[in-house]
């Protein structure tokens, strides 16, 4: 196929691409850019078009691939807008100072609440907290698996009720 025939075939089918471009981009200006890029790619890859192939499908495929590639490229770009007056704050690593006294008090409160649990709930909960699986706890305590699960569940509920949130 000569380049004049290909150009006329391309121009005759370009109007069918406009609604598809608008549907993809949802923006009139972006659709025009997408259509222009599609036609450019079609012209630059004219040798890849096989005579007799559905030109509309070929053009739709080119347009869809361009749209997907542009979308992926925009998704990878991370735009950071700094509205601060001072530029020196842009990459300033700020560290937070933790209040260890408050943390220690919270830990002590949780430990006290755990040890205030009834023994029937405390034993399976502490084993679970140490990393044992349900079936391991059941074999250690010689209790049914469902019983162990429910006791751990109730222990958690009691702890949530006893420990205040900070």
N, C-alpha and C. Protein backbone atom coordinates (compact mmCIF):
# COMPACT_ATOMS: atom_id res chain seq x y z
N UNK A 1 0.85 -1.17 0.00
CA UNK A 1 0.00 0.00 0.00
C UNK A 1 0.89 1.23 0.00
N UNK A 2 0.56 2.14 -0.88
CA UNK A 2 1.36 3.36 -0.98
C UNK A 2 1.05 4.29 0.18
N UNK A 3 1.91 5.24 0.37
CA UNK A 3 1.72 6.15 1.49
C UNK A 3 0.56 7.10 1.23
N UNK A 4 0.25 7.41 -0.01
CA UNK A 4 -0.91 8.26 -0.31
C UNK A 4 -2.20 7.51 0.03
N UNK A 5 -2.26 6.23 -0.34
CA UNK A 5 -3.44 5.43 -0.03
C UNK A 5 -3.61 5.28 1.49
N UNK A 6 -2.49 5.05 2.17
CA UNK A 6 -2.55 4.89 3.63
C UNK A 6 -3.01 6.19 4.29
N UNK A 7 -2.50 7.33 3.82
CA UNK A 7 -2.90 8.62 4.40
C UNK A 7 -4.38 8.89 4.19
N UNK A 8 -4.89 8.57 3.02
CA UNK A 8 -6.32 8.79 2.78
C UNK A 8 -7.17 7.84 3.62
N UNK A 9 -6.73 6.60 3.77
CA UNK A 9 -7.42 5.63 4.61
C UNK A 9 -7.42 6.11 6.07
N UNK A 10 -6.30 6.65 6.49
CA UNK A 10 -6.16 7.16 7.85
C UNK A 10 -7.08 8.36 8.09
N UNK A 11 -7.10 9.29 7.15
CA UNK A 11 -7.94 10.49 7.30
C UNK A 11 -9.42 10.16 7.24
N UNK A 12 -9.78 9.16 6.44
CA UNK A 12 -11.20 8.76 6.36
C UNK A 12 -11.69 8.14 7.66
N UNK A 13 -10.80 7.54 8.43
CA UNK A 13 -11.19 6.86 9.66
C UNK A 13 -10.84 7.65 10.92
N UNK A 14 -10.26 8.82 10.77
CA UNK A 14 -9.87 9.62 11.93
C UNK A 14 -11.08 10.15 12.70
N UNK A 15 -12.19 10.43 11.99
CA UNK A 15 -13.37 10.98 12.66
C UNK A 15 -14.00 9.98 13.63
N UNK A 16 -13.81 8.69 13.39
CA UNK A 16 -14.37 7.68 14.28
C UNK A 16 -13.59 7.58 15.60
N UNK A 17 -12.38 8.13 15.61
CA UNK A 17 -11.56 8.07 16.80
C UNK A 17 -11.90 9.16 17.82
N UNK A 18 -12.48 10.26 17.36
CA UNK A 18 -12.75 11.39 18.25
C UNK A 18 -13.66 11.01 19.42
N UNK A 19 -14.80 10.36 19.19
CA UNK A 19 -15.65 10.00 20.34
C UNK A 19 -14.95 9.02 21.31
N UNK A 20 -14.15 8.12 20.76
CA UNK A 20 -13.43 7.17 21.60
C UNK A 20 -12.40 7.90 22.47
N UNK A 21 -11.72 8.89 21.90
CA UNK A 21 -10.74 9.67 22.65
C UNK A 21 -11.41 10.47 23.77
N UNK A 22 -12.57 11.04 23.47
CA UNK A 22 -13.30 11.81 24.49
C UNK A 22 -13.79 10.87 25.59
N UNK A 23 -14.24 9.69 25.20
CA UNK A 23 -14.70 8.72 26.19
C UNK A 23 -13.56 8.28 27.11
N UNK A 24 -12.37 8.13 26.57
CA UNK A 24 -11.23 7.72 27.39
C UNK A 24 -10.77 8.83 28.33
N UNK A 25 -10.62 10.02 27.80
CA UNK A 25 -10.00 11.11 28.58
C UNK A 25 -10.99 11.92 29.40
N UNK A 26 -12.24 11.99 28.95
CA UNK A 26 -13.27 12.80 29.61
C UNK A 26 -12.90 14.29 29.60
N UNK A 27 -12.08 14.67 28.63
CA UNK A 27 -11.64 16.06 28.51
C UNK A 27 -11.41 16.35 27.03
N UNK A 28 -11.97 17.45 26.56
CA UNK A 28 -11.90 17.80 25.14
C UNK A 28 -10.48 18.03 24.67
N UNK A 29 -9.69 18.79 25.43
CA UNK A 29 -8.33 19.10 25.02
C UNK A 29 -7.42 17.87 25.08
N UNK A 30 -7.57 17.08 26.13
CA UNK A 30 -6.78 15.85 26.21
C UNK A 30 -7.15 14.88 25.11
N UNK A 31 -8.42 14.88 24.72
CA UNK A 31 -8.87 14.01 23.62
C UNK A 31 -8.22 14.44 22.30
N UNK A 32 -8.11 15.74 22.09
CA UNK A 32 -7.44 16.23 20.87
C UNK A 32 -5.97 15.81 20.86
N UNK A 33 -5.31 15.92 22.00
CA UNK A 33 -3.91 15.50 22.10
C UNK A 33 -3.76 14.01 21.85
N UNK A 34 -4.67 13.24 22.41
CA UNK A 34 -4.63 11.79 22.24
C UNK A 34 -4.86 11.41 20.78
N UNK A 35 -5.79 12.07 20.12
CA UNK A 35 -6.05 11.81 18.71
C UNK A 35 -4.84 12.16 17.85
N UNK A 36 -4.23 13.28 18.14
CA UNK A 36 -3.04 13.70 17.40
C UNK A 36 -1.90 12.72 17.59
N UNK A 37 -1.69 12.27 18.82
CA UNK A 37 -0.63 11.30 19.09
C UNK A 37 -0.92 9.97 18.40
N UNK A 38 -2.17 9.58 18.37
CA UNK A 38 -2.55 8.33 17.70
C UNK A 38 -2.27 8.41 16.21
N UNK A 39 -2.66 9.50 15.58
CA UNK A 39 -2.40 9.64 14.15
C UNK A 39 -0.91 9.71 13.85
N UNK A 40 -0.17 10.38 14.71
CA UNK A 40 1.29 10.44 14.53
C UNK A 40 1.91 9.05 14.61
N UNK A 41 1.50 8.29 15.62
CA UNK A 41 2.05 6.93 15.77
C UNK A 41 1.64 6.04 14.60
N UNK A 42 0.42 6.21 14.11
CA UNK A 42 -0.03 5.42 12.97
C UNK A 42 0.80 5.75 11.74
N UNK A 43 1.07 7.03 11.52
CA UNK A 43 1.89 7.43 10.37
C UNK A 43 3.33 6.94 10.51
N UNK A 44 3.87 7.02 11.73
CA UNK A 44 5.26 6.60 11.92
C UNK A 44 5.40 5.08 11.88
N UNK A 45 4.32 4.35 12.10
CA UNK A 45 4.36 2.88 12.05
C UNK A 45 3.57 2.33 10.87
N UNK A 46 3.55 3.07 9.80
CA UNK A 46 2.81 2.68 8.60
C UNK A 46 3.26 1.32 8.07
N UNK A 47 4.54 1.02 8.19
CA UNK A 47 5.07 -0.24 7.66
C UNK A 47 4.55 -1.45 8.45
N UNK A 48 4.05 -1.23 9.67
CA UNK A 48 3.52 -2.33 10.49
C UNK A 48 2.07 -2.66 10.15
N UNK A 49 1.42 -1.77 9.44
CA UNK A 49 0.03 -2.01 9.05
C UNK A 49 0.01 -2.96 7.86
N UNK A 50 -0.73 -4.04 8.01
CA UNK A 50 -0.85 -5.01 6.94
C UNK A 50 -2.09 -4.69 6.12
N UNK A 51 -1.94 -4.71 4.81
CA UNK A 51 -3.04 -4.41 3.91
C UNK A 51 -4.18 -5.41 4.12
N UNK A 52 -5.40 -4.91 4.29
CA UNK A 52 -6.55 -5.76 4.53
C UNK A 52 -6.94 -5.84 5.98
N UNK A 53 -6.08 -5.37 6.88
CA UNK A 53 -6.39 -5.35 8.31
C UNK A 53 -7.43 -4.27 8.58
N UNK A 54 -8.28 -4.50 9.56
CA UNK A 54 -9.29 -3.53 9.94
C UNK A 54 -8.57 -2.28 10.48
N UNK A 55 -8.61 -1.19 9.72
CA UNK A 55 -7.88 0.02 10.08
C UNK A 55 -8.44 0.65 11.36
N UNK A 56 -9.77 0.57 11.53
CA UNK A 56 -10.36 1.16 12.74
C UNK A 56 -9.88 0.42 13.99
N UNK A 57 -9.88 -0.89 13.94
CA UNK A 57 -9.42 -1.67 15.09
C UNK A 57 -7.95 -1.38 15.37
N UNK A 58 -7.17 -1.25 14.32
CA UNK A 58 -5.75 -0.96 14.47
C UNK A 58 -5.56 0.40 15.14
N UNK A 59 -6.33 1.40 14.69
CA UNK A 59 -6.23 2.74 15.26
C UNK A 59 -6.76 2.78 16.70
N UNK A 60 -7.86 2.08 16.97
CA UNK A 60 -8.39 2.00 18.33
C UNK A 60 -7.36 1.38 19.28
N UNK A 61 -6.68 0.35 18.80
CA UNK A 61 -5.66 -0.31 19.63
C UNK A 61 -4.51 0.64 19.93
N UNK A 62 -4.08 1.36 18.93
CA UNK A 62 -2.99 2.33 19.13
C UNK A 62 -3.43 3.38 20.15
N UNK A 63 -4.64 3.90 19.99
CA UNK A 63 -5.13 4.94 20.90
C UNK A 63 -5.26 4.42 22.33
N UNK A 64 -5.81 3.25 22.48
CA UNK A 64 -5.98 2.68 23.81
C UNK A 64 -4.63 2.46 24.49
N UNK A 65 -3.65 1.96 23.73
CA UNK A 65 -2.32 1.73 24.30
C UNK A 65 -1.64 3.04 24.70
N UNK A 66 -1.80 4.06 23.90
CA UNK A 66 -1.23 5.37 24.25
C UNK A 66 -1.88 5.89 25.53
N UNK A 67 -3.20 5.77 25.61
CA UNK A 67 -3.92 6.24 26.79
C UNK A 67 -3.45 5.50 28.04
N UNK A 68 -3.34 4.18 27.94
CA UNK A 68 -2.91 3.37 29.09
C UNK A 68 -1.48 3.73 29.50
N UNK A 69 -0.60 3.89 28.54
CA UNK A 69 0.79 4.25 28.86
C UNK A 69 0.86 5.62 29.52
N UNK A 70 0.09 6.58 29.02
CA UNK A 70 0.08 7.91 29.63
C UNK A 70 -0.49 7.87 31.04
N UNK A 71 -1.53 7.06 31.23
CA UNK A 71 -2.14 6.93 32.56
C UNK A 71 -1.15 6.34 33.55
N UNK A 72 -0.46 5.30 33.13
CA UNK A 72 0.54 4.67 34.02
C UNK A 72 1.67 5.63 34.34
N UNK A 73 2.08 6.41 33.35
CA UNK A 73 3.16 7.37 33.57
C UNK A 73 2.72 8.45 34.55
N UNK A 74 1.48 8.92 34.44
CA UNK A 74 0.98 9.94 35.39
C UNK A 74 0.83 9.36 36.78
N UNK A 75 0.47 8.09 36.87
CA UNK A 75 0.30 7.46 38.18
C UNK A 75 1.64 7.33 38.90
N UNK A 76 2.72 7.18 38.16
CA UNK A 76 4.04 7.03 38.77
C UNK A 76 4.62 8.35 39.22
N UNK A 77 4.16 9.44 38.63
CA UNK A 77 4.67 10.75 39.00
C UNK A 77 4.06 11.18 40.32
N UNK A 78 4.89 11.59 41.23
CA UNK A 78 4.43 12.07 42.52
C UNK A 78 4.66 13.57 42.56
N UNK A 79 3.60 14.31 42.50
CA UNK A 79 3.69 15.76 42.50
C UNK A 79 3.58 16.26 43.93
N UNK A 80 4.61 16.97 44.38
CA UNK A 80 4.62 17.52 45.72
C UNK A 80 4.55 19.04 45.59
N UNK A 81 3.52 19.60 46.16
CA UNK A 81 3.36 21.05 46.12
C UNK A 81 3.59 21.56 47.53
N UNK A 82 4.57 22.43 47.66
CA UNK A 82 4.92 23.00 48.96
C UNK A 82 4.36 24.41 49.03
N UNK A 83 3.42 24.60 49.91
CA UNK A 83 2.81 25.92 50.07
C UNK A 83 3.44 26.70 51.22
N UNK A 84 4.52 26.19 51.78
CA UNK A 84 5.13 26.88 52.91
C UNK A 84 5.93 28.08 52.41
N UNK A 85 6.08 29.03 53.30
CA UNK A 85 6.80 30.24 52.96
C UNK A 85 8.30 29.98 52.89
N UNK A 86 8.79 29.16 53.79
CA UNK A 86 10.22 28.90 53.87
C UNK A 86 10.58 27.65 53.08
N UNK A 87 11.56 27.76 52.21
CA UNK A 87 11.99 26.61 51.42
C UNK A 87 12.82 25.63 52.24
N UNK A 88 13.43 26.09 53.31
CA UNK A 88 14.32 25.21 54.06
C UNK A 88 13.54 24.09 54.77
N UNK A 89 12.25 24.18 54.88
CA UNK A 89 11.46 23.15 55.54
C UNK A 89 11.12 21.97 54.61
N UNK A 90 11.42 22.10 53.31
CA UNK A 90 11.00 21.10 52.35
C UNK A 90 11.54 19.71 52.67
N UNK A 91 12.83 19.58 52.91
CA UNK A 91 13.42 18.28 53.19
C UNK A 91 13.94 18.19 54.61
N UNK A 92 13.40 18.95 55.48
CA UNK A 92 13.84 18.97 56.87
C UNK A 92 13.29 17.74 57.58
N UNK A 93 14.17 16.93 58.14
CA UNK A 93 13.75 15.72 58.85
C UNK A 93 13.39 16.08 60.28
N UNK A 94 12.12 16.09 60.56
CA UNK A 94 11.67 16.41 61.90
C UNK A 94 11.47 15.11 62.66
N UNK A 95 11.96 15.10 63.86
CA UNK A 95 11.81 13.90 64.67
C UNK A 95 10.89 14.22 65.84
N UNK A 96 10.14 13.23 66.23
CA UNK A 96 9.24 13.39 67.36
C UNK A 96 9.88 12.77 68.58
N UNK A 97 9.73 13.43 69.68
CA UNK A 97 10.26 12.92 70.93
C UNK A 97 9.13 12.17 71.63
N UNK A 98 9.40 10.92 71.97
CA UNK A 98 8.37 10.13 72.62
C UNK A 98 8.44 10.33 74.13
N UNK A 99 7.31 10.24 74.73
CA UNK A 99 7.22 10.36 76.17
C UNK A 99 7.28 8.95 76.75
N UNK A 100 8.45 8.54 77.17
CA UNK A 100 8.63 7.17 77.66
C UNK A 100 7.90 6.93 78.97
N UNK A 101 7.72 7.96 79.75
CA UNK A 101 7.01 7.79 81.02
C UNK A 101 5.56 7.39 80.75
N UNK A 102 4.93 8.05 79.80
CA UNK A 102 3.55 7.71 79.47
C UNK A 102 3.47 6.31 78.88
N UNK A 103 4.42 5.96 78.05
CA UNK A 103 4.45 4.63 77.45
C UNK A 103 4.61 3.56 78.53
N UNK A 104 5.53 3.81 79.46
CA UNK A 104 5.74 2.86 80.55
C UNK A 104 4.48 2.70 81.40
N UNK A 105 3.78 3.80 81.63
CA UNK A 105 2.53 3.72 82.39
C UNK A 105 1.48 2.90 81.64
N UNK A 106 1.42 3.09 80.34
CA UNK A 106 0.47 2.32 79.54
C UNK A 106 0.81 0.83 79.59
N UNK A 107 2.07 0.50 79.49
CA UNK A 107 2.49 -0.91 79.53
C UNK A 107 2.15 -1.51 80.89
N UNK A 108 2.41 -0.76 81.95
CA UNK A 108 2.10 -1.27 83.29
C UNK A 108 0.60 -1.47 83.46
N UNK A 109 -0.18 -0.55 82.91
CA UNK A 109 -1.63 -0.67 83.01
C UNK A 109 -2.13 -1.92 82.26
N UNK A 110 -1.57 -2.17 81.10
CA UNK A 110 -1.96 -3.35 80.32
C UNK A 110 -1.54 -4.63 81.05
N UNK A 111 -0.30 -4.64 81.57
CA UNK A 111 0.16 -5.83 82.30
C UNK A 111 -0.71 -6.08 83.53
N UNK A 112 -1.07 -5.05 84.25
CA UNK A 112 -1.93 -5.19 85.42
C UNK A 112 -3.29 -5.76 85.01
N UNK A 113 -3.83 -5.26 83.91
CA UNK A 113 -5.13 -5.74 83.44
C UNK A 113 -5.05 -7.20 83.03
N UNK A 114 -3.94 -7.61 82.40
CA UNK A 114 -3.78 -9.01 82.00
C UNK A 114 -3.73 -9.90 83.23
N UNK A 115 -2.98 -9.50 84.23
CA UNK A 115 -2.84 -10.34 85.43
C UNK A 115 -4.07 -10.29 86.34
N UNK A 116 -4.98 -9.36 86.07
CA UNK A 116 -6.25 -9.32 86.81
C UNK A 116 -7.30 -10.24 86.18
N UNK A 117 -7.01 -10.73 84.98
CA UNK A 117 -7.95 -11.65 84.33
C UNK A 117 -8.09 -12.93 85.15
N UNK A 118 -9.26 -13.55 85.11
CA UNK A 118 -9.40 -14.86 85.76
C UNK A 118 -8.44 -15.86 85.10
N UNK A 119 -7.95 -16.81 85.87
CA UNK A 119 -6.95 -17.78 85.42
C UNK A 119 -7.43 -18.54 84.18
N UNK A 120 -8.70 -18.81 84.13
CA UNK A 120 -9.26 -19.57 83.01
C UNK A 120 -9.07 -18.84 81.68
N UNK A 121 -9.04 -17.50 81.72
CA UNK A 121 -8.83 -16.69 80.53
C UNK A 121 -7.36 -16.28 80.38
N UNK A 122 -6.69 -16.06 81.50
CA UNK A 122 -5.32 -15.56 81.47
C UNK A 122 -4.36 -16.57 80.85
N UNK A 123 -4.47 -17.85 81.21
CA UNK A 123 -3.53 -18.86 80.70
C UNK A 123 -3.55 -18.95 79.18
N UNK A 124 -4.71 -19.15 78.54
CA UNK A 124 -4.68 -19.24 77.08
C UNK A 124 -4.27 -17.92 76.43
N UNK A 125 -4.66 -16.78 77.03
CA UNK A 125 -4.30 -15.50 76.44
C UNK A 125 -2.80 -15.29 76.47
N UNK A 126 -2.16 -15.59 77.60
CA UNK A 126 -0.70 -15.40 77.69
C UNK A 126 0.04 -16.33 76.74
N UNK A 127 -0.43 -17.55 76.59
CA UNK A 127 0.20 -18.47 75.63
C UNK A 127 0.04 -17.96 74.21
N UNK A 128 -1.15 -17.45 73.89
CA UNK A 128 -1.39 -16.89 72.56
C UNK A 128 -0.50 -15.66 72.34
N UNK A 129 -0.38 -14.83 73.37
CA UNK A 129 0.45 -13.63 73.29
C UNK A 129 1.92 -13.98 73.09
N UNK A 130 2.35 -15.10 73.63
CA UNK A 130 3.74 -15.54 73.46
C UNK A 130 4.00 -16.14 72.08
N UNK A 131 2.94 -16.36 71.29
CA UNK A 131 3.14 -16.81 69.92
C UNK A 131 2.66 -18.22 69.63
N UNK A 132 2.07 -18.87 70.58
CA UNK A 132 1.56 -20.21 70.33
C UNK A 132 0.30 -20.14 69.47
N UNK A 133 0.11 -21.16 68.65
CA UNK A 133 -1.09 -21.27 67.83
C UNK A 133 -2.23 -21.84 68.68
N UNK A 134 -3.45 -21.65 68.18
CA UNK A 134 -4.61 -22.13 68.92
C UNK A 134 -4.52 -23.62 69.23
N UNK A 135 -4.17 -24.41 68.21
CA UNK A 135 -4.15 -25.86 68.43
C UNK A 135 -3.04 -26.26 69.40
N UNK A 136 -1.93 -25.49 69.43
CA UNK A 136 -0.86 -25.76 70.39
C UNK A 136 -1.33 -25.47 71.82
N UNK A 137 -2.04 -24.37 71.98
CA UNK A 137 -2.56 -24.01 73.30
C UNK A 137 -3.56 -25.06 73.77
N UNK A 138 -4.40 -25.53 72.83
CA UNK A 138 -5.39 -26.54 73.18
C UNK A 138 -4.71 -27.82 73.65
N UNK A 139 -3.61 -28.20 73.01
CA UNK A 139 -2.93 -29.43 73.43
C UNK A 139 -2.18 -29.21 74.76
N UNK A 140 -1.63 -28.03 74.98
CA UNK A 140 -0.92 -27.75 76.23
C UNK A 140 -1.89 -27.77 77.41
N UNK A 141 -3.04 -27.09 77.23
CA UNK A 141 -4.01 -26.99 78.32
C UNK A 141 -5.00 -28.16 78.34
N UNK A 142 -4.91 -29.03 77.36
CA UNK A 142 -5.79 -30.19 77.25
C UNK A 142 -7.27 -29.76 77.26
N UNK A 143 -7.57 -28.80 76.42
CA UNK A 143 -8.93 -28.28 76.26
C UNK A 143 -9.30 -28.36 74.78
N UNK A 144 -10.59 -28.37 74.44
CA UNK A 144 -11.00 -28.35 73.03
C UNK A 144 -10.59 -27.03 72.36
N UNK A 145 -10.37 -27.11 71.06
CA UNK A 145 -9.91 -25.95 70.30
C UNK A 145 -10.91 -24.80 70.38
N UNK A 146 -12.19 -25.10 70.25
CA UNK A 146 -13.23 -24.05 70.32
C UNK A 146 -13.25 -23.35 71.66
N UNK A 147 -13.00 -24.08 72.72
CA UNK A 147 -12.96 -23.50 74.06
C UNK A 147 -11.81 -22.51 74.17
N UNK A 148 -10.66 -22.90 73.65
CA UNK A 148 -9.48 -22.02 73.69
C UNK A 148 -9.74 -20.74 72.90
N UNK A 149 -10.32 -20.88 71.73
CA UNK A 149 -10.61 -19.69 70.90
C UNK A 149 -11.57 -18.75 71.62
N UNK A 150 -12.60 -19.30 72.22
CA UNK A 150 -13.57 -18.43 72.89
C UNK A 150 -12.97 -17.78 74.14
N UNK A 151 -12.12 -18.50 74.87
CA UNK A 151 -11.50 -17.91 76.05
C UNK A 151 -10.56 -16.76 75.67
N UNK A 152 -9.82 -16.94 74.61
CA UNK A 152 -8.93 -15.86 74.15
C UNK A 152 -9.77 -14.66 73.69
N UNK A 153 -10.84 -14.94 73.00
CA UNK A 153 -11.74 -13.87 72.55
C UNK A 153 -12.30 -13.09 73.74
N UNK A 154 -12.79 -13.80 74.74
CA UNK A 154 -13.35 -13.13 75.91
C UNK A 154 -12.27 -12.39 76.70
N UNK A 155 -11.06 -12.92 76.74
CA UNK A 155 -9.96 -12.23 77.42
C UNK A 155 -9.68 -10.90 76.73
N UNK A 156 -9.69 -10.91 75.41
CA UNK A 156 -9.47 -9.65 74.67
C UNK A 156 -10.57 -8.65 74.98
N UNK A 157 -11.81 -9.11 75.00
CA UNK A 157 -12.93 -8.20 75.30
C UNK A 157 -12.81 -7.61 76.68
N UNK A 158 -12.42 -8.43 77.66
CA UNK A 158 -12.25 -7.92 79.03
C UNK A 158 -11.11 -6.90 79.09
N UNK A 159 -10.03 -7.16 78.37
CA UNK A 159 -8.90 -6.23 78.38
C UNK A 159 -9.29 -4.91 77.73
N UNK A 160 -10.04 -4.96 76.65
CA UNK A 160 -10.48 -3.72 76.00
C UNK A 160 -11.34 -2.88 76.94
N UNK A 161 -12.15 -3.56 77.72
CA UNK A 161 -13.02 -2.83 78.65
C UNK A 161 -12.23 -2.24 79.81
N UNK A 162 -11.16 -2.90 80.24
CA UNK A 162 -10.39 -2.45 81.40
C UNK A 162 -9.37 -1.37 81.05
N UNK A 163 -8.73 -1.50 79.92
CA UNK A 163 -7.64 -0.58 79.57
C UNK A 163 -8.22 0.63 78.86
N UNK A 164 -7.90 1.81 79.41
CA UNK A 164 -8.39 3.05 78.78
C UNK A 164 -7.48 3.40 77.62
N UNK A 165 -8.04 4.04 76.64
CA UNK A 165 -7.26 4.43 75.45
C UNK A 165 -6.69 5.82 75.64
N UNK A 166 -5.47 6.00 75.16
CA UNK A 166 -4.80 7.29 75.29
C UNK A 166 -4.85 8.01 73.98
